[in-house]
Structures are given as structure tokens and as C-alpha cells.
């Protein structure tokens, strides 16, 4: 319906977005509350 409350919206089916989004990790946050058994073993900065 082009006359309803959402007539100016555009819908896109999520299945059409087939390119994987893989953002690069930049830092670890809230590491002060991580589980003791979880080890962070990469070079990214860590903040509480």
C-alpha cells in the first residue's frame, strides 16, 4: 500500500545481503569482568 503510514519506507529482504560483514577487531572492552578461564591472547588493546 503506497498510501499508508509507512508509504515512504523501503523494504529490503535480509537474505539479499549475502556479503558477510567481518569487522576488524580494534580493542577488547570490559576485560575486568571477563571470566577467569577466558584468556585474551592477541595484540589488541584491553580496557576495563
PDB file of N, CA and C in Angstrom:
ATOM      1  N   UNK A   1       0.851  -1.178   0.000  1.00  0.00           N
ATOM      2  CA  UNK A   1       0.000   0.000   0.000  1.00  0.00           C
ATOM      3  C   UNK A   1       0.894   1.238   0.000  1.00  0.00           C
ATOM      4  N   UNK A   2       0.772   2.072  -0.985  1.00  0.00           N
ATOM      5  CA  UNK A   2       1.614   3.267  -1.104  1.00  0.00           C
ATOM      6  C   UNK A   2       0.997   4.489  -0.444  1.00  0.00           C
ATOM      7  N   UNK A   3      -0.093   4.329   0.276  1.00  0.00           N
ATOM      8  CA  UNK A   3      -0.741   5.469   0.920  1.00  0.00           C
ATOM      9  C   UNK A   3      -0.807   5.336   2.430  1.00  0.00           C
ATOM     10  N   UNK A   4      -0.232   4.285   3.001  1.00  0.00           N
ATOM     11  CA  UNK A   4      -0.323   4.033   4.441  1.00  0.00           C
ATOM     12  C   UNK A   4       0.690   4.827   5.239  1.00  0.00           C
ATOM     13  N   UNK A   5       0.782   4.477   6.507  1.00  0.00           N
ATOM     14  CA  UNK A   5       1.663   5.182   7.438  1.00  0.00           C
ATOM     15  C   UNK A   5       3.139   5.029   7.085  1.00  0.00           C
ATOM     16  N   UNK A   6       3.489   3.952   6.391  1.00  0.00           N
ATOM     17  CA  UNK A   6       4.889   3.699   6.040  1.00  0.00           C
ATOM     18  C   UNK A   6       5.112   3.808   4.533  1.00  0.00           C
ATOM     19  N   UNK A   7       4.417   4.684   3.888  1.00  0.00           N
ATOM     20  CA  UNK A   7       4.495   4.784   2.427  1.00  0.00           C
ATOM     21  C   UNK A   7       5.854   5.267   1.932  1.00  0.00           C
ATOM     22  N   UNK A   8       6.640   5.914   2.788  1.00  0.00           N
ATOM     23  CA  UNK A   8       7.950   6.408   2.363  1.00  0.00           C
ATOM     24  C   UNK A   8       9.088   5.469   2.767  1.00  0.00           C
ATOM     25  N   UNK A   9       8.786   4.277   3.279  1.00  0.00           N
ATOM     26  CA  UNK A   9       9.792   3.293   3.674  1.00  0.00           C
ATOM     27  C   UNK A   9      10.153   2.399   2.506  1.00  0.00           C
ATOM     28  N   UNK A  10      11.369   1.902   2.516  1.00  0.00           N
ATOM     29  CA  UNK A  10      11.826   0.926   1.527  1.00  0.00           C
ATOM     30  C   UNK A  10      12.164  -0.353   2.284  1.00  0.00           C
ATOM     31  N   UNK A  11      11.629  -1.478   1.839  1.00  0.00           N
ATOM     32  CA  UNK A  11      11.897  -2.764   2.490  1.00  0.00           C
ATOM     33  C   UNK A  11      12.916  -3.544   1.683  1.00  0.00           C
ATOM     34  N   UNK A  12      13.878  -4.153   2.382  1.00  0.00           N
ATOM     35  CA  UNK A  12      14.890  -4.989   1.741  1.00  0.00           C
ATOM     36  C   UNK A  12      14.933  -6.305   2.501  1.00  0.00           C
ATOM     37  N   UNK A  13      14.757  -7.409   1.800  1.00  0.00           N
ATOM     38  CA  UNK A  13      14.824  -8.720   2.441  1.00  0.00           C
ATOM     39  C   UNK A  13      16.257  -8.990   2.885  1.00  0.00           C
ATOM     40  N   UNK A  14      16.438  -9.407   4.130  1.00  0.00           N
ATOM     41  CA  UNK A  14      17.783  -9.617   4.655  1.00  0.00           C
ATOM     42  C   UNK A  14      18.534 -10.713   3.926  1.00  0.00           C
ATOM     43  N   UNK A  15      17.846 -11.662   3.346  1.00  0.00           N
ATOM     44  CA  UNK A  15      18.503 -12.730   2.604  1.00  0.00           C
ATOM     45  C   UNK A  15      19.224 -12.238   1.364  1.00  0.00           C
ATOM     46  N   UNK A  16      18.923 -11.033   0.909  1.00  0.00           N
ATOM     47  CA  UNK A  16      19.594 -10.492  -0.273  1.00  0.00           C
ATOM     48  C   UNK A  16      20.960  -9.907   0.066  1.00  0.00           C
ATOM     49  N   UNK A  17      21.225  -9.720   1.335  1.00  0.00           N
ATOM     50  CA  UNK A  17      22.508  -9.165   1.765  1.00  0.00           C
ATOM     51  C   UNK A  17      23.447 -10.321   2.073  1.00  0.00           C
ATOM     52  N   UNK A  18      23.992 -10.921   1.038  1.00  0.00           N
ATOM     53  CA  UNK A  18      24.748 -12.157   1.200  1.00  0.00           C
ATOM     54  C   UNK A  18      26.254 -11.962   1.348  1.00  0.00           C
ATOM     55  N   UNK A  19      26.714 -10.737   1.359  1.00  0.00           N
ATOM     56  CA  UNK A  19      28.136 -10.491   1.574  1.00  0.00           C
ATOM     57  C   UNK A  19      28.390 -10.466   3.075  1.00  0.00           C
ATOM     58  N   UNK A  20      29.245 -11.335   3.587  1.00  0.00           N
ATOM     59  CA  UNK A  20      29.461 -11.374   5.033  1.00  0.00           C
ATOM     60  C   UNK A  20      30.127 -10.095   5.543  1.00  0.00           C
ATOM     61  N   UNK A  21      29.636  -9.617   6.651  1.00  0.00           N
ATOM     62  CA  UNK A  21      30.227  -8.453   7.302  1.00  0.00           C
ATOM     63  C   UNK A  21      31.224  -8.959   8.330  1.00  0.00           C
ATOM     64  N   UNK A  22      32.471  -8.666   8.138  1.00  0.00           N
ATOM     65  CA  UNK A  22      33.512  -9.121   9.053  1.00  0.00           C
ATOM     66  C   UNK A  22      34.312  -7.909   9.533  1.00  0.00           C
ATOM     67  N   UNK A  23      33.764  -7.200  10.526  1.00  0.00           N
ATOM     68  CA  UNK A  23      34.500  -6.035  11.019  1.00  0.00           C
ATOM     69  C   UNK A  23      35.798  -6.453  11.696  1.00  0.00           C
ATOM     70  N   UNK A  24      36.804  -5.648  11.541  1.00  0.00           N
ATOM     71  CA  UNK A  24      38.092  -5.952  12.169  1.00  0.00           C
ATOM     72  C   UNK A  24      38.040  -5.568  13.641  1.00  0.00           C
ATOM     73  N   UNK A  25      38.579  -6.421  14.479  1.00  0.00           N
ATOM     74  CA  UNK A  25      38.620  -6.146  15.911  1.00  0.00           C
ATOM     75  C   UNK A  25      39.592  -5.002  16.156  1.00  0.00           C
ATOM     76  N   UNK A  26      39.214  -4.080  17.042  1.00  0.00           N
ATOM     77  CA  UNK A  26      40.074  -2.948  17.347  1.00  0.00           C
ATOM     78  C   UNK A  26      40.580  -2.959  18.780  1.00  0.00           C
ATOM     79  N   UNK A  27      39.733  -3.405  19.731  1.00  0.00           N
ATOM     80  CA  UNK A  27      40.156  -3.493  21.121  1.00  0.00           C
ATOM     81  C   UNK A  27      39.178  -4.368  21.898  1.00  0.00           C
ATOM     82  N   UNK A  28      39.609  -4.819  23.065  1.00  0.00           N
ATOM     83  CA  UNK A  28      38.762  -5.595  23.965  1.00  0.00           C
ATOM     84  C   UNK A  28      38.269  -4.646  25.057  1.00  0.00           C
ATOM     85  N   UNK A  29      36.964  -4.629  25.314  1.00  0.00           N
ATOM     86  CA  UNK A  29      36.408  -3.764  26.357  1.00  0.00           C
ATOM     87  C   UNK A  29      35.847  -4.608  27.495  1.00  0.00           C
ATOM     88  N   UNK A  30      35.776  -4.037  28.660  1.00  0.00           N
ATOM     89  CA  UNK A  30      35.234  -4.673  29.872  1.00  0.00           C
ATOM     90  C   UNK A  30      35.992  -5.941  30.245  1.00  0.00           C
ATOM     91  N   UNK A  31      37.295  -5.948  30.051  1.00  0.00           N
ATOM     92  CA  UNK A  31      38.070  -7.154  30.364  1.00  0.00           C
ATOM     93  C   UNK A  31      38.191  -7.382  31.868  1.00  0.00           C
ATOM     94  N   UNK A  32      37.919  -6.387  32.669  1.00  0.00           N
ATOM     95  CA  UNK A  32      37.961  -6.567  34.112  1.00  0.00           C
ATOM     96  C   UNK A  32      36.869  -7.485  34.629  1.00  0.00           C
ATOM     97  N   UNK A  33      35.810  -7.671  33.841  1.00  0.00           N
ATOM     98  CA  UNK A  33      34.709  -8.534  34.273  1.00  0.00           C
ATOM     99  C   UNK A  33      34.620  -9.822  33.457  1.00  0.00           C
ATOM    100  N   UNK A  34      35.671 -10.147  32.724  1.00  0.00           N
ATOM    101  CA  UNK A  34      35.657 -11.389  31.947  1.00  0.00           C
ATOM    102  C   UNK A  34      35.840 -12.584  32.870  1.00  0.00           C
ATOM    103  N   UNK A  35      35.476 -13.753  32.402  1.00  0.00           N
ATOM    104  CA  UNK A  35      35.655 -14.975  33.189  1.00  0.00           C
ATOM    105  C   UNK A  35      37.142 -15.268  33.367  1.00  0.00           C
ATOM    106  N   UNK A  36      37.506 -15.801  34.516  1.00  0.00           N
ATOM    107  CA  UNK A  36      38.916 -16.107  34.805  1.00  0.00           C
ATOM    108  C   UNK A  36      39.510 -17.110  33.822  1.00  0.00           C
ATOM    109  N   UNK A  37      38.686 -18.011  33.313  1.00  0.00           N
ATOM    110  CA  UNK A  37      39.178 -19.051  32.407  1.00  0.00           C
ATOM    111  C   UNK A  37      39.337 -18.556  30.971  1.00  0.00           C
ATOM    112  N   UNK A  38      38.862 -17.337  30.682  1.00  0.00           N
ATOM    113  CA  UNK A  38      38.951 -16.809  29.312  1.00  0.00           C
ATOM    114  C   UNK A  38      40.268 -16.052  29.153  1.00  0.00           C
ATOM    115  N   UNK A  39      41.130 -16.540  28.290  1.00  0.00           N
ATOM    116  CA  UNK A  39      42.410 -15.881  28.028  1.00  0.00           C
ATOM    117  C   UNK A  39      42.326 -15.058  26.756  1.00  0.00           C
ATOM    118  N   UNK A  40      42.803 -13.834  26.820  1.00  0.00           N
ATOM    119  CA  UNK A  40      42.889 -12.981  25.639  1.00  0.00           C
ATOM    120  C   UNK A  40      44.337 -13.039  25.184  1.00  0.00           C
ATOM    121  N   UNK A  41      44.550 -13.622  24.040  1.00  0.00           N
ATOM    122  CA  UNK A  41      45.931 -13.896  23.614  1.00  0.00           C
ATOM    123  C   UNK A  41      46.303 -13.202  22.306  1.00  0.00           C
ATOM    124  N   UNK A  42      45.672 -12.074  22.021  1.00  0.00           N
ATOM    125  CA  UNK A  42      46.072 -11.345  20.815  1.00  0.00           C
ATOM    126  C   UNK A  42      46.682 -10.001  21.210  1.00  0.00           C
ATOM    127  N   UNK A  43      47.046  -9.219  20.221  1.00  0.00           N
ATOM    128  CA  UNK A  43      47.780  -7.976  20.458  1.00  0.00           C
ATOM    129  C   UNK A  43      46.880  -6.751  20.620  1.00  0.00           C
ATOM    130  N   UNK A  44      45.573  -6.906  20.590  1.00  0.00           N
ATOM    131  CA  UNK A  44      44.672  -5.754  20.662  1.00  0.00           C
ATOM    132  C   UNK A  44      44.652  -5.164  22.071  1.00  0.00           C
ATOM    133  N   UNK A  45      44.524  -3.835  22.176  1.00  0.00           N
ATOM    134  CA  UNK A  45      44.497  -3.200  23.493  1.00  0.00           C
ATOM    135  C   UNK A  45      43.286  -3.665  24.310  1.00  0.00           C
ATOM    136  N   UNK A  46      43.437  -3.623  25.634  1.00  0.00           N
ATOM    137  CA  UNK A  46      42.370  -4.053  26.533  1.00  0.00           C
ATOM    138  C   UNK A  46      42.019  -2.911  27.485  1.00  0.00           C
ATOM    139  N   UNK A  47      40.716  -2.717  27.708  1.00  0.00           N
ATOM    140  CA  UNK A  47      40.253  -1.692  28.648  1.00  0.00           C
ATOM    141  C   UNK A  47      39.211  -2.291  29.578  1.00  0.00           C
ATOM    142  N   UNK A  48      39.135  -1.735  30.786  1.00  0.00           N
ATOM    143  CA  UNK A  48      38.108  -2.173  31.735  1.00  0.00           C
ATOM    144  C   UNK A  48      36.861  -1.477  31.356  1.00  0.00           C
TER     145      UNK A  48
END
